[in-house]
Protein backbone atom coordinates (compact mmCIF):
# COMPACT_ATOMS: atom_id res chain seq x y z
CA ARG A 1 50.53 111.63 87.59
CA ASP A 2 48.34 114.23 89.29
CA GLY A 3 48.27 116.86 86.59
CA LEU A 4 50.05 118.72 83.86
CA LEU A 5 53.07 121.01 84.18
CA VAL A 6 54.21 123.00 81.13
CA LEU A 7 57.18 125.34 80.73
CA ALA A 8 56.55 127.75 77.85
CA ASN A 9 58.18 131.08 77.12
CA GLY A 10 59.98 130.99 80.47
CA GLN A 11 56.77 130.53 82.49
CA PHE A 12 55.35 127.49 84.25
CA HIS A 13 51.70 126.57 83.73
CA GLU A 14 50.10 123.92 85.91
CA ALA A 15 46.69 122.27 86.05
CA PRO A 16 45.58 119.22 88.05
CA PHE A 17 43.62 116.30 86.70
CA ARG A 18 40.11 116.32 88.18
CA PRO A 19 38.24 113.19 87.14
CA HIS A 20 34.92 112.52 88.84
CA LYS A 21 35.92 108.85 89.07
CA LEU A 22 39.09 107.06 88.06
CA VAL A 23 38.45 104.20 85.64
CA GLY A 24 40.64 104.57 82.57
CA ARG A 25 44.37 104.96 83.08
CA SER A 26 45.54 103.65 79.71
CA GLY A 27 46.24 106.31 77.07
CA ARG A 28 45.99 109.36 79.28
CA GLY A 29 49.50 110.52 78.38
CA ASP A 30 48.68 110.37 74.68
CA THR A 31 45.40 112.19 75.30
CA CYS A 32 47.12 114.84 77.38
CA ILE A 33 49.89 115.72 74.94
CA ALA A 34 47.65 115.54 71.87
CA SER A 35 44.99 117.79 73.40
CA TYR A 36 47.64 120.29 74.57
CA VAL A 37 49.32 120.49 71.16
CA ALA A 38 45.99 120.78 69.33
CA LYS A 39 44.77 123.58 71.60
CA ARG A 40 48.03 125.53 71.20
CA PHE A 41 47.07 126.31 67.60
CA THR A 42 44.40 128.69 68.95
CA ALA A 43 45.24 129.34 72.61
CA SER A 44 47.97 130.49 74.97
CA PRO A 45 50.15 127.98 76.84
CA GLY A 46 48.13 128.55 80.03
CA GLU A 47 44.79 127.99 78.32
CA ALA A 48 46.11 124.92 76.51
CA THR A 49 47.40 123.50 79.80
CA ILE A 50 43.97 123.78 81.41
CA TRP A 51 42.29 122.40 78.28
CA ALA A 52 44.59 119.37 78.22
CA ALA A 53 44.10 118.70 81.93
CA ALA A 54 40.31 118.86 81.52
CA VAL A 55 40.28 116.60 78.44
CA THR A 56 42.54 114.12 80.20
CA SER A 57 40.35 114.21 83.32
CA LEU A 58 37.30 113.27 81.26
CA LYS A 59 39.25 110.54 79.47
CA MET A 60 40.26 109.04 82.82
CA GLU A 61 36.59 108.47 83.69
CA THR A 62 36.13 105.67 81.14
CA GLU A 63 38.15 102.97 79.40
CA GLY A 64 39.13 103.44 75.78
CA PRO A 65 39.30 106.63 73.72
CA ILE A 66 37.62 109.80 74.91
CA LYS A 67 34.10 110.19 73.58
CA ARG A 68 33.11 113.47 75.21
CA SER A 69 32.05 116.69 73.50
CA VAL A 70 33.79 120.04 73.40
CA GLU A 71 30.90 121.33 75.51
CA ASP A 72 31.67 118.70 78.17
CA VAL A 73 35.28 119.92 78.32
CA GLU A 74 34.24 123.57 78.51
CA GLU A 75 31.74 122.80 81.27
CA LEU A 76 34.39 120.99 83.32
CA ILE A 77 36.78 123.92 82.89
CA GLN A 78 34.14 126.39 84.10
CA ARG A 79 33.24 124.20 87.06
CA MET A 80 36.64 122.95 88.21
CA TYR A 81 39.44 125.23 87.00
CA LYS A 82 40.29 128.76 88.02
CA ILE A 83 40.83 130.75 84.83
CA GLU A 84 43.00 133.84 85.20
């Protein structure tokens, strides 16, 4: 409920959800898994974990489907997630 934990290739990858405000709870699981799987086409498991956590965080800020830009997700990642 607080974030995303992924086991891939024998390694754990973890990233917390960091919404500015918590409004939308419905659909966050769907958003999380879909954004992780989509990002895995072009990124490592660790990068995809952070991406999915950031997308889900933004989705949790409003009701309904996420309507934020890729730039919004990238900005949140730069601001709130430590990238190794």
